[in-house]
Amino acid sequence: MSANSVSFHRMLKTTPEKVFRAFTESAAIASWLPPYGFLCTVHEQDAKVGGTYRMSFQNFSTGNSHSFHGKYLEIKPNELLKYTDVFDDPNLPGEMITTISMRKTIAGTEINITQEGLPAAIPVEFCYLGWQESLEKLAKLVEPEIPDA
């Protein structure tokens, strides 16, 4: 793994279908993707190969925000998502590629995430911290089984 990439492995006590939905439904992704202290607005999301998305994160403390967009490169429902991330800020140049794989196991769903091509201005430690917080929020979204009344 190079200095400008991060990788994560998690086991979630849920189905691959719920994990996939959490990555592809706008309301779901807005609820768990931003690290603690940030709000997310999904401006557009067309989760299909060749489809695009645009979103922004707002720092709740300062009110400042940053926006980014990307394109879906590969999708295998409930198994794989691969997409690009490009910051709108010219001080954060380049294109990142994020790959998420999901695999059903006896314990639930194994997910592996790799994000490559992080801009040099983003310390990799902050990226690790942000993803760890986001994945904690993801687990709290997808693991509960709440029946309709």
C-alpha atoms as a PDB file:
ATOM      1  CA  MET A   1       0.000   0.000   0.000  1.00  0.00           C
ATOM      2  CA  SER A   2       1.446   3.344  -1.024  1.00  0.00           C
ATOM      3  CA  ALA A   3       1.653   6.451   1.156  1.00  0.00           C
ATOM      4  CA  ASN A   4      -1.345   7.992  -0.598  1.00  0.00           C
ATOM      5  CA  SER A   5      -3.788   5.123  -0.061  1.00  0.00           C
ATOM      6  CA  VAL A   6      -5.695   3.544   2.810  1.00  0.00           C
ATOM      7  CA  SER A   7      -7.345   0.149   3.277  1.00  0.00           C
ATOM      8  CA  PHE A   8      -9.942  -1.125   5.736  1.00  0.00           C
ATOM      9  CA  HIS A   9     -11.442  -4.468   6.609  1.00  0.00           C
ATOM     10  CA  ARG A  10     -14.631  -4.882   8.661  1.00  0.00           C
ATOM     11  CA  MET A  11     -17.140  -7.557   9.560  1.00  0.00           C
ATOM     12  CA  LEU A  12     -20.707  -6.305   9.830  1.00  0.00           C
ATOM     13  CA  LYS A  13     -23.543  -8.294  11.398  1.00  0.00           C
ATOM     14  CA  THR A  14     -25.886  -7.802   8.445  1.00  0.00           C
ATOM     15  CA  THR A  15     -26.509  -8.821   4.865  1.00  0.00           C
ATOM     16  CA  PRO A  16     -24.543  -7.663   1.821  1.00  0.00           C
ATOM     17  CA  GLU A  17     -27.837  -6.248   0.487  1.00  0.00           C
ATOM     18  CA  LYS A  18     -28.117  -3.779   3.383  1.00  0.00           C
ATOM     19  CA  VAL A  19     -24.465  -2.766   3.079  1.00  0.00           C
ATOM     20  CA  PHE A  20     -24.859  -2.205  -0.666  1.00  0.00           C
ATOM     21  CA  ARG A  21     -27.976  -0.075  -0.094  1.00  0.00           C
ATOM     22  CA  ALA A  22     -26.071   1.999   2.486  1.00  0.00           C
ATOM     23  CA  PHE A  23     -23.520   2.880  -0.221  1.00  0.00           C
ATOM     24  CA  THR A  24     -26.030   3.517  -3.011  1.00  0.00           C
ATOM     25  CA  GLU A  25     -29.043   5.272  -1.433  1.00  0.00           C
ATOM     26  CA  SER A  26     -28.583   9.028  -1.004  1.00  0.00           C
ATOM     27  CA  ALA A  27     -30.328   9.358   2.368  1.00  0.00           C
ATOM     28  CA  ALA A  28     -28.373   6.412   3.763  1.00  0.00           C
ATOM     29  CA  ILE A  29     -24.966   7.613   2.611  1.00  0.00           C
ATOM     30  CA  ALA A  30     -25.657  11.125   3.947  1.00  0.00           C
ATOM     31  CA  SER A  31     -26.353   9.601   7.374  1.00  0.00           C
ATOM     32  CA  TRP A  32     -23.156   7.598   7.807  1.00  0.00           C
ATOM     33  CA  LEU A  33     -20.402   8.719   5.399  1.00  0.00           C
ATOM     34  CA  PRO A  34     -19.389  12.055   6.954  1.00  0.00           C
ATOM     35  CA  PRO A  35     -17.093  11.704   9.967  1.00  0.00           C
ATOM     36  CA  TYR A  36     -18.311  12.969  13.337  1.00  0.00           C
ATOM     37  CA  GLY A  37     -18.789  16.735  13.345  1.00  0.00           C
ATOM     38  CA  PHE A  38     -19.682  16.924   9.658  1.00  0.00           C
ATOM     39  CA  LEU A  39     -22.973  17.055   7.769  1.00  0.00           C
ATOM     40  CA  CYS A  40     -23.364  15.580   4.294  1.00  0.00           C
ATOM     41  CA  THR A  41     -25.565  16.771   1.460  1.00  0.00           C
ATOM     42  CA  VAL A  42     -25.934  14.446  -1.514  1.00  0.00           C
ATOM     43  CA  HIS A  43     -26.651  16.773  -4.427  1.00  0.00           C
ATOM     44  CA  GLU A  44     -26.977  13.996  -6.989  1.00  0.00           C
ATOM     45  CA  GLN A  45     -26.409  10.239  -7.090  1.00  0.00           C
ATOM     46  CA  ASP A  46     -26.956   7.880 -10.005  1.00  0.00           C
ATOM     47  CA  ALA A  47     -25.495   4.593  -8.766  1.00  0.00           C
ATOM     48  CA  LYS A  48     -24.965   2.750 -12.046  1.00  0.00           C
ATOM     49  CA  VAL A  49     -21.864   2.086 -14.146  1.00  0.00           C
ATOM     50  CA  GLY A  50     -21.055   5.403 -15.813  1.00  0.00           C
ATOM     51  CA  GLY A  51     -23.409   7.233 -13.440  1.00  0.00           C
ATOM     52  CA  THR A  52     -22.189  10.146 -11.358  1.00  0.00           C
ATOM     53  CA  TYR A  53     -22.603  11.600  -7.901  1.00  0.00           C
ATOM     54  CA  ARG A  54     -21.942  14.971  -6.268  1.00  0.00           C
ATOM     55  CA  MET A  55     -21.921  15.682  -2.542  1.00  0.00           C
ATOM     56  CA  SER A  56     -20.536  18.069   0.037  1.00  0.00           C
ATOM     57  CA  PHE A  57     -19.423  17.816   3.654  1.00  0.00           C
ATOM     58  CA  GLN A  58     -19.953  20.768   6.001  1.00  0.00           C
ATOM     59  CA  ASN A  59     -17.914  21.226   9.164  1.00  0.00           C
ATOM     60  CA  PHE A  60     -20.644  21.747  11.769  1.00  0.00           C
ATOM     61  CA  SER A  61     -18.305  23.761  14.050  1.00  0.00           C
ATOM     62  CA  THR A  62     -17.088  26.276  11.473  1.00  0.00           C
ATOM     63  CA  GLY A  63     -19.753  26.096   8.764  1.00  0.00           C
ATOM     64  CA  ASN A  64     -17.063  25.640   6.101  1.00  0.00           C
ATOM     65  CA  SER A  65     -17.669  22.978   3.498  1.00  0.00           C
ATOM     66  CA  HIS A  66     -15.925  21.098   0.734  1.00  0.00           C
ATOM     67  CA  SER A  67     -17.529  19.409  -2.216  1.00  0.00           C
ATOM     68  CA  PHE A  68     -16.541  16.494  -4.387  1.00  0.00           C
ATOM     69  CA  HIS A  69     -17.912  14.383  -7.178  1.00  0.00           C
ATOM     70  CA  GLY A  70     -17.164  11.216  -9.052  1.00  0.00           C
ATOM     71  CA  LYS A  71     -18.218   8.493 -11.406  1.00  0.00           C
ATOM     72  CA  TYR A  72     -19.168   4.872 -10.822  1.00  0.00           C
ATOM     73  CA  LEU A  73     -16.658   2.640 -12.626  1.00  0.00           C
ATOM     74  CA  GLU A  74     -17.817  -0.841 -11.644  1.00  0.00           C
ATOM     75  CA  ILE A  75     -20.872  -2.169  -9.833  1.00  0.00           C
ATOM     76  CA  LYS A  76     -21.820  -5.725  -8.931  1.00  0.00           C
ATOM     77  CA  PRO A  77     -24.914  -5.471  -6.713  1.00  0.00           C
ATOM     78  CA  ASN A  78     -24.240  -6.681  -3.156  1.00  0.00           C
ATOM     79  CA  GLU A  79     -20.613  -7.542  -4.066  1.00  0.00           C
ATOM     80  CA  LEU A  80     -18.587  -4.629  -5.436  1.00  0.00           C
ATOM     81  CA  LEU A  81     -18.559  -0.853  -5.900  1.00  0.00           C
ATOM     82  CA  LYS A  82     -15.727   1.044  -7.550  1.00  0.00           C
ATOM     83  CA  TYR A  83     -15.906   4.786  -8.089  1.00  0.00           C
ATOM     84  CA  THR A  84     -13.814   7.903  -8.456  1.00  0.00           C
ATOM     85  CA  ASP A  85     -13.633  10.860  -6.077  1.00  0.00           C
ATOM     86  CA  VAL A  86     -12.538  14.310  -7.257  1.00  0.00           C
ATOM     87  CA  PHE A  87     -12.473  17.332  -4.952  1.00  0.00           C
ATOM     88  CA  ASP A  88     -13.828  20.573  -6.395  1.00  0.00           C
ATOM     89  CA  ASP A  89     -11.077  22.485  -4.529  1.00  0.00           C
ATOM     90  CA  PRO A  90      -8.090  23.028  -6.890  1.00  0.00           C
ATOM     91  CA  ASN A  91      -5.783  22.750  -3.840  1.00  0.00           C
ATOM     92  CA  LEU A  92      -6.764  19.056  -3.630  1.00  0.00           C
ATOM     93  CA  PRO A  93      -5.905  17.891  -7.153  1.00  0.00           C
ATOM     94  CA  GLY A  94      -6.156  14.444  -8.631  1.00  0.00           C
ATOM     95  CA  GLU A  95      -8.589  11.605  -8.788  1.00  0.00           C
ATOM     96  CA  MET A  96      -9.017   9.060  -6.028  1.00  0.00           C
ATOM     97  CA  ILE A  97     -10.379   5.589  -6.679  1.00  0.00           C
ATOM     98  CA  THR A  98     -12.403   3.861  -3.982  1.00  0.00           C
ATOM     99  CA  THR A  99     -13.125   0.133  -4.151  1.00  0.00           C
ATOM    100  CA  ILE A 100     -15.562  -1.584  -1.780  1.00  0.00           C
ATOM    101  CA  SER A 101     -15.968  -5.346  -1.860  1.00  0.00           C
ATOM    102  CA  MET A 102     -18.654  -7.199   0.103  1.00  0.00           C
ATOM    103  CA  ARG A 103     -18.808 -10.918   0.832  1.00  0.00           C
ATOM    104  CA  LYS A 104     -21.487 -12.851   2.682  1.00  0.00           C
ATOM    105  CA  THR A 105     -20.049 -14.912   5.529  1.00  0.00           C
ATOM    106  CA  ILE A 106     -21.452 -17.042   8.326  1.00  0.00           C
ATOM    107  CA  ALA A 107     -21.016 -14.004  10.632  1.00  0.00           C
ATOM    108  CA  GLY A 108     -22.618 -11.439   8.311  1.00  0.00           C
ATOM    109  CA  THR A 109     -20.831  -9.386   5.667  1.00  0.00           C
ATOM    110  CA  GLU A 110     -17.116  -8.911   5.231  1.00  0.00           C
ATOM    111  CA  ILE A 111     -16.229  -5.596   3.630  1.00  0.00           C
ATOM    112  CA  ASN A 112     -12.879  -4.471   2.283  1.00  0.00           C
ATOM    113  CA  ILE A 113     -12.336  -0.846   1.306  1.00  0.00           C
ATOM    114  CA  THR A 114      -9.351   0.640  -0.498  1.00  0.00           C
ATOM    115  CA  GLN A 115      -9.025   4.329  -1.349  1.00  0.00           C
ATOM    116  CA  GLU A 116      -6.118   5.186  -3.636  1.00  0.00           C
ATOM    117  CA  GLY A 117      -4.709   8.459  -4.915  1.00  0.00           C
ATOM    118  CA  LEU A 118      -5.265  10.636  -1.838  1.00  0.00           C
ATOM    119  CA  PRO A 119      -4.159  14.237  -2.487  1.00  0.00           C
ATOM    120  CA  ALA A 120      -0.793  15.019  -0.896  1.00  0.00           C
ATOM    121  CA  ALA A 121      -2.415  17.825   1.159  1.00  0.00           C
ATOM    122  CA  ILE A 122      -4.553  15.294   3.098  1.00  0.00           C
ATOM    123  CA  PRO A 123      -2.590  13.556   5.870  1.00  0.00           C
ATOM    124  CA  VAL A 124      -3.199   9.811   5.553  1.00  0.00           C
ATOM    125  CA  GLU A 125      -3.780   9.654   9.336  1.00  0.00           C
ATOM    126  CA  PHE A 126      -6.789  11.995   8.989  1.00  0.00           C
ATOM    127  CA  CYS A 127      -8.142   9.820   6.217  1.00  0.00           C
ATOM    128  CA  TYR A 128      -7.801   6.727   8.451  1.00  0.00           C
ATOM    129  CA  LEU A 129      -9.530   8.500  11.324  1.00  0.00           C
ATOM    130  CA  GLY A 130     -12.372   9.758   9.144  1.00  0.00           C
ATOM    131  CA  TRP A 131     -13.023   6.335   7.595  1.00  0.00           C
ATOM    132  CA  GLN A 132     -12.936   4.643  11.028  1.00  0.00           C
ATOM    133  CA  GLU A 133     -15.610   7.042  12.292  1.00  0.00           C
ATOM    134  CA  SER A 134     -17.673   6.581   9.136  1.00  0.00           C
ATOM    135  CA  LEU A 135     -17.479   2.783   9.356  1.00  0.00           C
ATOM    136  CA  GLU A 136     -18.605   2.935  12.993  1.00  0.00           C
ATOM    137  CA  LYS A 137     -21.648   4.936  11.860  1.00  0.00           C
ATOM    138  CA  LEU A 138     -22.218   2.496   8.975  1.00  0.00           C
ATOM    139  CA  ALA A 139     -22.384  -0.425  11.409  1.00  0.00           C
ATOM    140  CA  LYS A 140     -24.937   1.442  13.544  1.00  0.00           C
ATOM    141  CA  LEU A 141     -27.090   1.973  10.452  1.00  0.00           C
ATOM    142  CA  VAL A 142     -26.999  -1.505   8.909  1.00  0.00           C
ATOM    143  CA  GLU A 143     -26.719  -3.899  11.864  1.00  0.00           C
ATOM    144  CA  PRO A 144     -30.022  -3.273  13.670  1.00  0.00           C
ATOM    145  CA  GLU A 145     -32.960  -5.387  12.471  1.00  0.00           C
ATOM    146  CA  ILE A 146     -35.979  -3.203  13.127  1.00  0.00           C
ATOM    147  CA  PRO A 147     -39.313  -4.721  12.075  1.00  0.00           C
ATOM    148  CA  ASP A 148     -42.172  -2.572  10.828  1.00  0.00           C
ATOM    149  CA  ALA A 149     -44.902  -2.260  13.483  1.00  0.00           C
END
